[in-house]
Amino acid sequence: MRRGSVRLVKLHESATLSVFAAAVLWGSTGLAAAYAPTVSPLVIGAVAMGGGGLLQAIVNARVLLWHRDTLTRSVGVIAFGAVCVAIYPLAFYTSMRVGGVALGTVVSLASAPMASAIIERVLDERALTVRWMIACAVGVVGSAALCMTDGDGAAASSVPAGVALGLVAGATYAGYSWALRRIINRRIPRGAAAGAVLGAGGVLLTPIATAGLIVTDSIPADAWLVLAYLALVPMFVGYVLFSRGLAGIDATTATTVTLVEPAVATVLAVLILDEHLGLIGWSGMALLGLALLILVAPGRR
């Protein structure tokens, strides 16, 4: 029994680290997108997420074929997740464009744990733990503090639009995270789950990406590099790590761990994009770190 408990703890820690690593990669997306200012955020989101999703389907084609009958029985969950995958990047990248990298990222990720908890409570009847509620509350306060810095220089009129789009991004992010976890719980390999949900989302985003690239007058070479980086690193490698993490922790915990993403995005925005971050902002960063410590600290036996 003792060995089993230790093994479960190690599995949980490994899964948490995988999600943490994915969040760090995702934290670079705002910085990368800032280097393609002439490309519409809708095109960036569709190419990045759509390309990464299609890569997931291609890499996992064999396991998808092996589990096609089981996946067919989960077609409703896959469809729900795919629609969320398609909406998420369009809202997320537009939120960062109109509200600033820090604000867009923070609102999107800070709202995701609450949306995830609501989804799991309603659809899975999953009770919320006291630890998660404390960690989530601390993380949300920290994220709100980051929003209060107003360091991105965005016009005041763009802030409400950025926040609204960020909330949509957070809800859809929580939605496809739940779908991935739900499919994995049905004893379907994580590769098949990621290939099905993200791949289907990529199919939905393909027409948007294609049309956007066609109507865009000119895309500089460095913008193409940005699009390639976003599709290959954060959206492909990041979601490989994320799906691996979902095999060991629930979607609510995973979305709470990814609260590190706005912290990474804010640091990069301050150091490289010269966005200002005052005392309140750094306090928010500290609170996000505290939320993660509360979440991953060993529980009482």
C-alpha atoms as a PDB file:
ATOM      1  CA  MET A   1       0.000   0.000   0.000  1.00  0.00           C
ATOM      2  CA  ARG A   2       2.836   2.343   0.880  1.00  0.00           C
ATOM      3  CA  ARG A   3       4.585   1.668  -2.449  1.00  0.00           C
ATOM      4  CA  GLY A   4       1.341   2.297  -4.282  1.00  0.00           C
ATOM      5  CA  SER A   5       0.904   5.631  -2.535  1.00  0.00           C
ATOM      6  CA  VAL A   6       4.440   6.692  -3.400  1.00  0.00           C
ATOM      7  CA  ARG A   7       3.884   5.698  -7.020  1.00  0.00           C
ATOM      8  CA  LEU A   8       0.696   7.752  -7.203  1.00  0.00           C
ATOM      9  CA  VAL A   9       2.473  10.776  -5.725  1.00  0.00           C
ATOM     10  CA  LYS A  10       5.290  10.461  -8.271  1.00  0.00           C
ATOM     11  CA  LEU A  11       2.774  10.093 -11.113  1.00  0.00           C
ATOM     12  CA  HIS A  12       0.947  13.219  -9.943  1.00  0.00           C
ATOM     13  CA  GLU A  13       4.205  15.182  -9.683  1.00  0.00           C
ATOM     14  CA  SER A  14       5.337  14.062 -13.145  1.00  0.00           C
ATOM     15  CA  ALA A  15       1.977  15.004 -14.657  1.00  0.00           C
ATOM     16  CA  THR A  16       2.068  18.389 -12.945  1.00  0.00           C
ATOM     17  CA  LEU A  17       5.581  19.062 -14.272  1.00  0.00           C
ATOM     18  CA  SER A  18       4.449  18.172 -17.805  1.00  0.00           C
ATOM     19  CA  VAL A  19       1.592  20.689 -17.606  1.00  0.00           C
ATOM     20  CA  PHE A  20       3.958  23.240 -16.054  1.00  0.00           C
ATOM     21  CA  ALA A  21       6.404  22.833 -18.965  1.00  0.00           C
ATOM     22  CA  ALA A  22       3.558  23.200 -21.465  1.00  0.00           C
ATOM     23  CA  ALA A  23       2.447  26.418 -19.750  1.00  0.00           C
ATOM     24  CA  VAL A  24       5.978  27.832 -19.993  1.00  0.00           C
ATOM     25  CA  LEU A  25       5.991  27.181 -23.743  1.00  0.00           C
ATOM     26  CA  TRP A  26       2.534  28.713 -24.113  1.00  0.00           C
ATOM     27  CA  GLY A  27       3.747  31.770 -22.240  1.00  0.00           C
ATOM     28  CA  SER A  28       5.967  32.600 -25.215  1.00  0.00           C
ATOM     29  CA  THR A  29       3.074  32.820 -27.687  1.00  0.00           C
ATOM     30  CA  GLY A  30       2.255  36.471 -26.977  1.00  0.00           C
ATOM     31  CA  LEU A  31       5.859  37.523 -27.429  1.00  0.00           C
ATOM     32  CA  ALA A  32       6.143  35.570 -30.678  1.00  0.00           C
ATOM     33  CA  ALA A  33       2.874  36.977 -32.042  1.00  0.00           C
ATOM     34  CA  ALA A  34       4.098  40.507 -31.301  1.00  0.00           C
ATOM     35  CA  TYR A  35       6.788  39.986 -33.950  1.00  0.00           C
ATOM     36  CA  ALA A  36       4.130  39.515 -36.639  1.00  0.00           C
ATOM     37  CA  PRO A  37       2.161  42.775 -36.262  1.00  0.00           C
ATOM     38  CA  THR A  38       1.119  42.866 -39.916  1.00  0.00           C
ATOM     39  CA  VAL A  39      -0.651  39.511 -39.677  1.00  0.00           C
ATOM     40  CA  SER A  40      -4.221  39.397 -38.349  1.00  0.00           C
ATOM     41  CA  PRO A  41      -4.551  37.753 -34.915  1.00  0.00           C
ATOM     42  CA  LEU A  42      -7.285  35.562 -36.402  1.00  0.00           C
ATOM     43  CA  VAL A  43      -4.813  34.251 -38.974  1.00  0.00           C
ATOM     44  CA  ILE A  44      -2.113  33.770 -36.334  1.00  0.00           C
ATOM     45  CA  GLY A  45      -4.490  31.842 -34.091  1.00  0.00           C
ATOM     46  CA  ALA A  46      -5.904  29.713 -36.898  1.00  0.00           C
ATOM     47  CA  VAL A  47      -2.481  28.844 -38.346  1.00  0.00           C
ATOM     48  CA  ALA A  48      -0.847  28.200 -34.970  1.00  0.00           C
ATOM     49  CA  MET A  49      -3.564  26.114 -33.328  1.00  0.00           C
ATOM     50  CA  GLY A  50      -4.796  24.598 -36.568  1.00  0.00           C
ATOM     51  CA  GLY A  51      -1.311  23.588 -37.652  1.00  0.00           C
ATOM     52  CA  GLY A  52      -0.457  22.184 -34.242  1.00  0.00           C
ATOM     53  CA  GLY A  53      -3.718  20.232 -34.148  1.00  0.00           C
ATOM     54  CA  LEU A  54      -3.199  18.729 -37.585  1.00  0.00           C
ATOM     55  CA  LEU A  55       0.331  17.714 -36.573  1.00  0.00           C
ATOM     56  CA  GLN A  56      -1.142  15.939 -33.548  1.00  0.00           C
ATOM     57  CA  ALA A  57      -3.474  13.984 -35.828  1.00  0.00           C
ATOM     58  CA  ILE A  58      -0.676  13.106 -38.262  1.00  0.00           C
ATOM     59  CA  VAL A  59       1.790  11.971 -35.598  1.00  0.00           C
ATOM     60  CA  ASN A  60      -0.891   9.903 -33.858  1.00  0.00           C
ATOM     61  CA  ALA A  61      -2.493   8.560 -37.056  1.00  0.00           C
ATOM     62  CA  ARG A  62      -1.689   4.944 -36.268  1.00  0.00           C
ATOM     63  CA  VAL A  63      -3.072   4.987 -32.737  1.00  0.00           C
ATOM     64  CA  LEU A  64      -6.116   6.901 -33.985  1.00  0.00           C
ATOM     65  CA  LEU A  65      -6.764   4.099 -36.459  1.00  0.00           C
ATOM     66  CA  TRP A  66      -6.353   1.433 -33.789  1.00  0.00           C
ATOM     67  CA  HIS A  67      -8.888   3.100 -31.491  1.00  0.00           C
ATOM     68  CA  ARG A  68     -11.317   4.361 -34.136  1.00  0.00           C
ATOM     69  CA  ASP A  69     -14.221   2.252 -32.797  1.00  0.00           C
ATOM     70  CA  THR A  70     -13.765   3.503 -29.240  1.00  0.00           C
ATOM     71  CA  LEU A  71     -13.343   7.075 -30.450  1.00  0.00           C
ATOM     72  CA  THR A  72     -16.553   6.791 -32.459  1.00  0.00           C
ATOM     73  CA  ARG A  73     -18.440   6.187 -29.217  1.00  0.00           C
ATOM     74  CA  SER A  74     -17.001   9.481 -27.903  1.00  0.00           C
ATOM     75  CA  VAL A  75     -17.886  11.512 -30.976  1.00  0.00           C
ATOM     76  CA  GLY A  76     -20.014  13.955 -28.963  1.00  0.00           C
ATOM     77  CA  VAL A  77     -17.173  14.767 -26.580  1.00  0.00           C
ATOM     78  CA  ILE A  78     -14.722  15.044 -29.499  1.00  0.00           C
ATOM     79  CA  ALA A  79     -17.042  17.437 -31.342  1.00  0.00           C
ATOM     80  CA  PHE A  80     -17.454  19.596 -28.238  1.00  0.00           C
ATOM     81  CA  GLY A  81     -13.704  19.701 -27.719  1.00  0.00           C
ATOM     82  CA  ALA A  82     -13.019  20.445 -31.393  1.00  0.00           C
ATOM     83  CA  VAL A  83     -15.369  23.434 -31.402  1.00  0.00           C
ATOM     84  CA  CYS A  84     -13.633  24.762 -28.278  1.00  0.00           C
ATOM     85  CA  VAL A  85     -10.238  24.215 -29.931  1.00  0.00           C
ATOM     86  CA  ALA A  86     -11.389  26.229 -32.946  1.00  0.00           C
ATOM     87  CA  ILE A  87     -12.772  29.143 -30.931  1.00  0.00           C
ATOM     88  CA  TYR A  88      -9.966  29.375 -28.365  1.00  0.00           C
ATOM     89  CA  PRO A  89      -7.051  30.682 -30.505  1.00  0.00           C
ATOM     90  CA  LEU A  90      -9.235  33.173 -32.364  1.00  0.00           C
ATOM     91  CA  ALA A  91     -10.369  34.722 -29.074  1.00  0.00           C
ATOM     92  CA  PHE A  92      -6.978  34.369 -27.360  1.00  0.00           C
ATOM     93  CA  TYR A  93      -4.769  36.005 -29.990  1.00  0.00           C
ATOM     94  CA  THR A  94      -7.309  38.752 -30.689  1.00  0.00           C
ATOM     95  CA  SER A  95      -7.518  39.452 -26.958  1.00  0.00           C
ATOM     96  CA  MET A  96      -3.748  39.937 -26.802  1.00  0.00           C
ATOM     97  CA  ARG A  97      -3.782  42.154 -29.895  1.00  0.00           C
ATOM     98  CA  VAL A  98      -6.503  44.525 -28.652  1.00  0.00           C
ATOM     99  CA  GLY A  99      -5.773  44.457 -24.920  1.00  0.00           C
ATOM    100  CA  GLY A 100      -2.048  43.796 -24.772  1.00  0.00           C
ATOM    101  CA  VAL A 101       0.016  40.649 -24.254  1.00  0.00           C
ATOM    102  CA  ALA A 102      -0.114  40.735 -20.457  1.00  0.00           C
ATOM    103  CA  LEU A 103      -3.830  41.520 -20.126  1.00  0.00           C
ATOM    104  CA  GLY A 104      -4.977  39.082 -22.807  1.00  0.00           C
ATOM    105  CA  THR A 105      -2.927  36.204 -21.449  1.00  0.00           C
ATOM    106  CA  VAL A 106      -3.783  36.858 -17.825  1.00  0.00           C
ATOM    107  CA  VAL A 107      -7.552  37.122 -18.306  1.00  0.00           C
ATOM    108  CA  SER A 108      -7.660  34.052 -20.547  1.00  0.00           C
ATOM    109  CA  LEU A 109      -5.721  31.835 -18.159  1.00  0.00           C
ATOM    110  CA  ALA A 110      -7.069  33.259 -14.901  1.00  0.00           C
ATOM    111  CA  SER A 111     -10.647  32.530 -15.954  1.00  0.00           C
ATOM    112  CA  ALA A 112      -9.905  28.993 -17.161  1.00  0.00           C
ATOM    113  CA  PRO A 113      -9.711  27.249 -13.741  1.00  0.00           C
ATOM    114  CA  MET A 114     -13.088  28.605 -12.690  1.00  0.00           C
ATOM    115  CA  ALA A 115     -14.652  27.580 -16.002  1.00  0.00           C
ATOM    116  CA  SER A 116     -13.030  24.150 -15.714  1.00  0.00           C
ATOM    117  CA  ALA A 117     -14.346  23.685 -12.194  1.00  0.00           C
ATOM    118  CA  ILE A 118     -17.862  24.608 -13.307  1.00  0.00           C
ATOM    119  CA  ILE A 119     -17.689  22.169 -16.237  1.00  0.00           C
ATOM    120  CA  GLU A 120     -16.465  19.297 -14.049  1.00  0.00           C
ATOM    121  CA  ARG A 121     -18.982  20.118 -11.323  1.00  0.00           C
ATOM    122  CA  VAL A 122     -21.923  20.157 -13.765  1.00  0.00           C
ATOM    123  CA  LEU A 123     -20.939  17.368 -16.162  1.00  0.00           C
ATOM    124  CA  ASP A 124     -18.914  15.078 -13.882  1.00  0.00           C
ATOM    125  CA  GLU A 125     -20.471  15.973 -10.501  1.00  0.00           C
ATOM    126  CA  ARG A 126     -16.943  16.375  -9.183  1.00  0.00           C
ATOM    127  CA  ALA A 127     -16.580  17.972  -5.764  1.00  0.00           C
ATOM    128  CA  LEU A 128     -14.126  20.846  -5.386  1.00  0.00           C
ATOM    129  CA  THR A 129     -11.328  20.375  -2.853  1.00  0.00           C
ATOM    130  CA  VAL A 130     -10.469  23.033  -0.297  1.00  0.00           C
ATOM    131  CA  ARG A 131      -6.872  23.060  -1.548  1.00  0.00           C
ATOM    132  CA  TRP A 132      -7.957  23.774  -5.110  1.00  0.00           C
ATOM    133  CA  MET A 133     -10.344  26.533  -4.025  1.00  0.00           C
ATOM    134  CA  ILE A 134      -7.589  28.235  -2.026  1.00  0.00           C
ATOM    135  CA  ALA A 135      -5.034  27.872  -4.840  1.00  0.00           C
ATOM    136  CA  CYS A 136      -7.503  29.092  -7.440  1.00  0.00           C
ATOM    137  CA  ALA A 137      -8.533  32.090  -5.328  1.00  0.00           C
ATOM    138  CA  VAL A 138      -4.912  33.096  -4.759  1.00  0.00           C
ATOM    139  CA  GLY A 139      -4.129  32.623  -8.447  1.00  0.00           C
ATOM    140  CA  VAL A 140      -7.097  34.657  -9.614  1.00  0.00           C
ATOM    141  CA  VAL A 141      -6.187  37.497  -7.246  1.00  0.00           C
ATOM    142  CA  GLY A 142      -2.642  37.399  -8.548  1.00  0.00           C
ATOM    143  CA  SER A 143      -3.831  37.473 -12.141  1.00  0.00           C
ATOM    144  CA  ALA A 144      -6.167  40.367 -11.368  1.00  0.00           C
ATOM    145  CA  ALA A 145      -3.218  42.251  -9.899  1.00  0.00           C
ATOM    146  CA  LEU A 146      -1.344  41.759 -13.150  1.00  0.00           C
ATOM    147  CA  CYS A 147      -4.286  43.224 -15.026  1.00  0.00           C
ATOM    148  CA  MET A 148      -4.205  46.300 -12.802  1.00  0.00           C
ATOM    149  CA  THR A 149      -0.685  47.191 -13.886  1.00  0.00           C
ATOM    150  CA  ASP A 150      -1.944  48.660 -17.195  1.00  0.00           C
ATOM    151  CA  GLY A 151       1.556  48.104 -18.480  1.00  0.00           C
ATOM    152  CA  ASP A 152       0.741  47.171 -22.016  1.00  0.00           C
ATOM    153  CA  GLY A 153      -0.095  50.676 -23.148  1.00  0.00           C
ATOM    154  CA  ALA A 154      -3.341  49.620 -24.770  1.00  0.00           C
ATOM    155  CA  ALA A 155      -6.011  52.231 -25.257  1.00  0.00           C
ATOM    156  CA  ALA A 156      -8.587  52.306 -22.501  1.00  0.00           C
ATOM    157  CA  SER A 157     -11.378  51.525 -24.961  1.00  0.00           C
ATOM    158  CA  SER A 158      -9.640  48.281 -25.982  1.00  0.00           C
ATOM    159  CA  VAL A 159      -9.419  46.904 -22.449  1.00  0.00           C
ATOM    160  CA  PRO A 160     -13.096  45.790 -22.175  1.00  0.00           C
ATOM    161  CA  ALA A 161     -12.857  44.033 -25.537  1.00  0.00           C
ATOM    162  CA  GLY A 162      -9.619  42.378 -24.471  1.00  0.00           C
ATOM    163  CA  VAL A 163     -11.169  41.180 -21.221  1.00  0.00           C
ATOM    164  CA  ALA A 164     -14.327  39.883 -22.943  1.00  0.00           C
ATOM    165  CA  LEU A 165     -12.330  37.952 -25.529  1.00  0.00           C
ATOM    166  CA  GLY A 166     -10.060  36.659 -22.774  1.00  0.00           C
ATOM    167  CA  LEU A 167     -13.077  35.262 -20.929  1.00  0.00           C
ATOM    168  CA  VAL A 168     -14.210  33.474 -24.091  1.00  0.00           C
ATOM    169  CA  ALA A 169     -10.699  32.071 -24.509  1.00  0.00           C
ATOM    170  CA  GLY A 170     -10.627  30.890 -20.901  1.00  0.00           C
ATOM    171  CA  ALA A 171     -13.986  29.132 -21.179  1.00  0.00           C
ATOM    172  CA  THR A 172     -13.097  27.349 -24.427  1.00  0.00           C
ATOM    173  CA  TYR A 173      -9.646  26.400 -23.115  1.00  0.00           C
ATOM    174  CA  ALA A 174     -11.328  24.784 -20.122  1.00  0.00           C
ATOM    175  CA  GLY A 175     -13.803  23.114 -22.483  1.00  0.00           C
ATOM    176  CA  TYR A 176     -11.291  21.264 -24.638  1.00  0.00           C
ATOM    177  CA  SER A 177      -9.155  20.433 -21.592  1.00  0.00           C
ATOM    178  CA  TRP A 178     -12.199  18.705 -20.097  1.00  0.00           C
ATOM    179  CA  ALA A 179     -12.864  16.891 -23.392  1.00  0.00           C
ATOM    180  CA  LEU A 180      -9.287  15.584 -23.548  1.00  0.00           C
ATOM    181  CA  ARG A 181      -9.424  14.383 -19.951  1.00  0.00           C
ATOM    182  CA  ARG A 182     -12.869  12.799 -20.445  1.00  0.00           C
ATOM    183  CA  ILE A 183     -11.622  10.763 -23.419  1.00  0.00           C
ATOM    184  CA  ILE A 184      -8.434   9.718 -21.617  1.00  0.00           C
ATOM    185  CA  ASN A 185     -10.576   8.538 -18.701  1.00  0.00           C
ATOM    186  CA  ARG A 186     -12.297   6.147 -21.106  1.00  0.00           C
ATOM    187  CA  ARG A 187      -8.998   4.237 -21.386  1.00  0.00           C
ATOM    188  CA  ILE A 188      -8.095   5.793 -24.702  1.00  0.00           C
ATOM    189  CA  PRO A 189      -4.365   6.601 -25.060  1.00  0.00           C
ATOM    190  CA  ARG A 190      -3.489  10.265 -24.660  1.00  0.00           C
ATOM    191  CA  GLY A 191      -2.043  10.340 -28.187  1.00  0.00           C
ATOM    192  CA  ALA A 192      -5.346   9.210 -29.652  1.00  0.00           C
ATOM    193  CA  ALA A 193      -7.281  11.671 -27.501  1.00  0.00           C
ATOM    194  CA  ALA A 194      -5.051  14.602 -28.484  1.00  0.00           C
ATOM    195  CA  GLY A 195      -5.039  13.565 -32.133  1.00  0.00           C
ATOM    196  CA  ALA A 196      -8.830  13.322 -32.224  1.00  0.00           C
ATOM    197  CA  VAL A 197      -9.765  16.525 -30.362  1.00  0.00           C
ATOM    198  CA  LEU A 198      -6.934  18.800 -31.501  1.00  0.00           C
ATOM    199  CA  GLY A 199      -6.893  17.289 -34.982  1.00  0.00           C
ATOM    200  CA  ALA A 200     -10.625  17.862 -35.437  1.00  0.00           C
ATOM    201  CA  GLY A 201     -10.167  21.406 -34.186  1.00  0.00           C
ATOM    202  CA  GLY A 202      -7.366  21.845 -36.704  1.00  0.00           C
ATOM    203  CA  VAL A 203      -9.694  20.743 -39.484  1.00  0.00           C
ATOM    204  CA  LEU A 204     -12.239  23.377 -38.414  1.00  0.00           C
ATOM    205  CA  LEU A 205      -9.522  26.057 -38.370  1.00  0.00           C
ATOM    206  CA  THR A 206      -8.046  25.140 -41.768  1.00  0.00           C
ATOM    207  CA  PRO A 207     -10.548  27.160 -43.885  1.00  0.00           C
ATOM    208  CA  ILE A 208     -10.014  30.215 -41.667  1.00  0.00           C
ATOM    209  CA  ALA A 209      -6.232  29.899 -41.886  1.00  0.00           C
ATOM    210  CA  THR A 210      -6.318  29.357 -45.658  1.00  0.00           C
ATOM    211  CA  ALA A 211      -8.661  32.266 -46.343  1.00  0.00           C
ATOM    212  CA  GLY A 212      -6.691  34.530 -44.052  1.00  0.00           C
ATOM    213  CA  LEU A 213      -3.386  33.740 -45.712  1.00  0.00           C
ATOM    214  CA  ILE A 214      -4.903  34.305 -49.160  1.00  0.00           C
ATOM    215  CA  VAL A 215      -6.363  37.734 -48.388  1.00  0.00           C
ATOM    216  CA  THR A 216      -3.263  38.935 -46.520  1.00  0.00           C
ATOM    217  CA  ASP A 217      -1.376  41.191 -48.933  1.00  0.00           C
ATOM    218  CA  SER A 218       2.156  40.367 -47.902  1.00  0.00           C
ATOM    219  CA  ILE A 219       3.599  38.252 -45.100  1.00  0.00           C
ATOM    220  CA  PRO A 220       7.253  39.025 -44.290  1.00  0.00           C
ATOM    221  CA  ALA A 221       9.745  36.198 -43.876  1.00  0.00           C
ATOM    222  CA  ASP A 222      10.053  36.800 -40.137  1.00  0.00           C
ATOM    223  CA  ALA A 223       6.259  36.506 -39.798  1.00  0.00           C
ATOM    224  CA  TRP A 224       6.398  33.093 -41.475  1.00  0.00           C
ATOM    225  CA  LEU A 225       9.023  32.087 -38.912  1.00  0.00           C
ATOM    226  CA  VAL A 226       6.682  33.243 -36.141  1.00  0.00           C
ATOM    227  CA  LEU A 227       3.824  31.158 -37.548  1.00  0.00           C
ATOM    228  CA  ALA A 228       6.070  28.105 -37.883  1.00  0.00           C
ATOM    229  CA  TYR A 229       7.348  28.508 -34.318  1.00  0.00           C
ATOM    230  CA  LEU A 230       3.846  28.864 -32.875  1.00  0.00           C
ATOM    231  CA  ALA A 231       2.553  25.782 -34.687  1.00  0.00           C
ATOM    232  CA  LEU A 232       5.550  23.542 -33.958  1.00  0.00           C
ATOM    233  CA  VAL A 233       6.667  24.494 -30.444  1.00  0.00           C
ATOM    234  CA  PRO A 234       3.874  25.876 -28.208  1.00  0.00           C
ATOM    235  CA  MET A 235       0.971  24.309 -30.093  1.00  0.00           C
ATOM    236  CA  PHE A 236       2.484  20.921 -30.957  1.00  0.00           C
ATOM    237  CA  VAL A 237       5.149  20.186 -28.340  1.00  0.00           C
ATOM    238  CA  GLY A 238       3.170  22.089 -25.708  1.00  0.00           C
ATOM    239  CA  TYR A 239       0.052  19.998 -26.245  1.00  0.00           C
ATOM    240  CA  VAL A 240       2.048  16.776 -26.254  1.00  0.00           C
ATOM    241  CA  LEU A 241       3.199  17.731 -22.759  1.00  0.00           C
ATOM    242  CA  PHE A 242      -0.286  18.901 -21.775  1.00  0.00           C
ATOM    243  CA  SER A 243      -2.009  15.687 -22.867  1.00  0.00           C
ATOM    244  CA  ARG A 244       0.659  13.698 -21.020  1.00  0.00           C
ATOM    245  CA  GLY A 245      -0.124  15.682 -17.901  1.00  0.00           C
ATOM    246  CA  LEU A 246      -3.871  15.132 -18.268  1.00  0.00           C
ATOM    247  CA  ALA A 247      -3.212  11.404 -18.040  1.00  0.00           C
ATOM    248  CA  GLY A 248      -2.209  11.929 -14.411  1.00  0.00           C
ATOM    249  CA  ILE A 249      -4.217  14.902 -13.117  1.00  0.00           C
ATOM    250  CA  ASP A 250      -7.729  16.210 -13.670  1.00  0.00           C
ATOM    251  CA  ALA A 251      -8.593  19.086 -15.987  1.00  0.00           C
ATOM    252  CA  THR A 252      -9.322  21.517 -13.150  1.00  0.00           C
ATOM    253  CA  THR A 253      -5.908  20.963 -11.570  1.00  0.00           C
ATOM    254  CA  ALA A 254      -4.241  21.206 -14.981  1.00  0.00           C
ATOM    255  CA  THR A 255      -5.867  24.532 -15.814  1.00  0.00           C
ATOM    256  CA  THR A 256      -4.860  25.830 -12.389  1.00  0.00           C
ATOM    257  CA  VAL A 257      -1.231  24.824 -12.964  1.00  0.00           C
ATOM    258  CA  THR A 258      -1.279  26.696 -16.266  1.00  0.00           C
ATOM    259  CA  LEU A 259      -1.747  29.928 -14.300  1.00  0.00           C
ATOM    260  CA  VAL A 260       2.044  30.071 -14.656  1.00  0.00           C
ATOM    261  CA  GLU A 261       1.540  30.986 -18.323  1.00  0.00           C
ATOM    262  CA  PRO A 262       0.492  34.617 -17.707  1.00  0.00           C
ATOM    263  CA  ALA A 263       3.463  35.015 -15.382  1.00  0.00           C
ATOM    264  CA  VAL A 264       5.844  33.838 -18.113  1.00  0.00           C
ATOM    265  CA  ALA A 265       4.100  36.006 -20.704  1.00  0.00           C
ATOM    266  CA  THR A 266       4.325  39.052 -18.438  1.00  0.00           C
ATOM    267  CA  VAL A 267       8.029  38.572 -17.711  1.00  0.00           C
ATOM    268  CA  LEU A 268       8.773  38.250 -21.439  1.00  0.00           C
ATOM    269  CA  ALA A 269       6.639  41.312 -22.194  1.00  0.00           C
ATOM    270  CA  VAL A 270       8.530  43.350 -19.583  1.00  0.00           C
ATOM    271  CA  LEU A 271      12.033  42.194 -20.521  1.00  0.00           C
ATOM    272  CA  ILE A 272      11.690  42.110 -24.311  1.00  0.00           C
ATOM    273  CA  LEU A 273       8.661  44.170 -25.322  1.00  0.00           C
ATOM    274  CA  ASP A 274       9.372  46.914 -22.741  1.00  0.00           C
ATOM    275  CA  GLU A 275       5.931  46.681 -21.170  1.00  0.00           C
ATOM    276  CA  HIS A 276       5.921  48.252 -17.703  1.00  0.00           C
ATOM    277  CA  LEU A 277       5.180  46.194 -14.595  1.00  0.00           C
ATOM    278  CA  GLY A 278       4.866  48.020 -11.284  1.00  0.00           C
ATOM    279  CA  LEU A 279       4.721  46.888  -7.674  1.00  0.00           C
ATOM    280  CA  ILE A 280       1.154  45.605  -8.015  1.00  0.00           C
ATOM    281  CA  GLY A 281       2.134  43.548 -11.033  1.00  0.00           C
ATOM    282  CA  TRP A 282       5.096  41.922  -9.306  1.00  0.00           C
ATOM    283  CA  SER A 283       2.848  41.213  -6.318  1.00  0.00           C
ATOM    284  CA  GLY A 284       0.508  39.425  -8.695  1.00  0.00           C
ATOM    285  CA  MET A 285       3.415  37.348  -9.972  1.00  0.00           C
ATOM    286  CA  ALA A 286       4.272  36.343  -6.407  1.00  0.00           C
ATOM    287  CA  LEU A 287       0.660  35.319  -5.750  1.00  0.00           C
ATOM    288  CA  LEU A 288       0.640  33.148  -8.877  1.00  0.00           C
ATOM    289  CA  GLY A 289       3.758  31.411  -7.602  1.00  0.00           C
ATOM    290  CA  LEU A 290       2.118  30.897  -4.220  1.00  0.00           C
ATOM    291  CA  ALA A 291      -0.966  29.376  -5.899  1.00  0.00           C
ATOM    292  CA  LEU A 292       1.199  26.814  -7.646  1.00  0.00           C
ATOM    293  CA  LEU A 293       3.028  25.955  -4.409  1.00  0.00           C
ATOM    294  CA  ILE A 294      -0.293  25.381  -2.654  1.00  0.00           C
ATOM    295  CA  LEU A 295      -1.504  23.187  -5.477  1.00  0.00           C
ATOM    296  CA  VAL A 296       1.561  20.936  -5.801  1.00  0.00           C
ATOM    297  CA  ALA A 297       2.590  20.748  -2.141  1.00  0.00           C
ATOM    298  CA  PRO A 298       2.457  17.188  -0.733  1.00  0.00           C
ATOM    299  CA  GLY A 299      -0.818  16.449   1.023  1.00  0.00           C
ATOM    300  CA  ARG A 300      -1.174  15.182   4.562  1.00  0.00           C
ATOM    301  CA  ARG A 301      -1.217  11.384   4.683  1.00  0.00           C
END
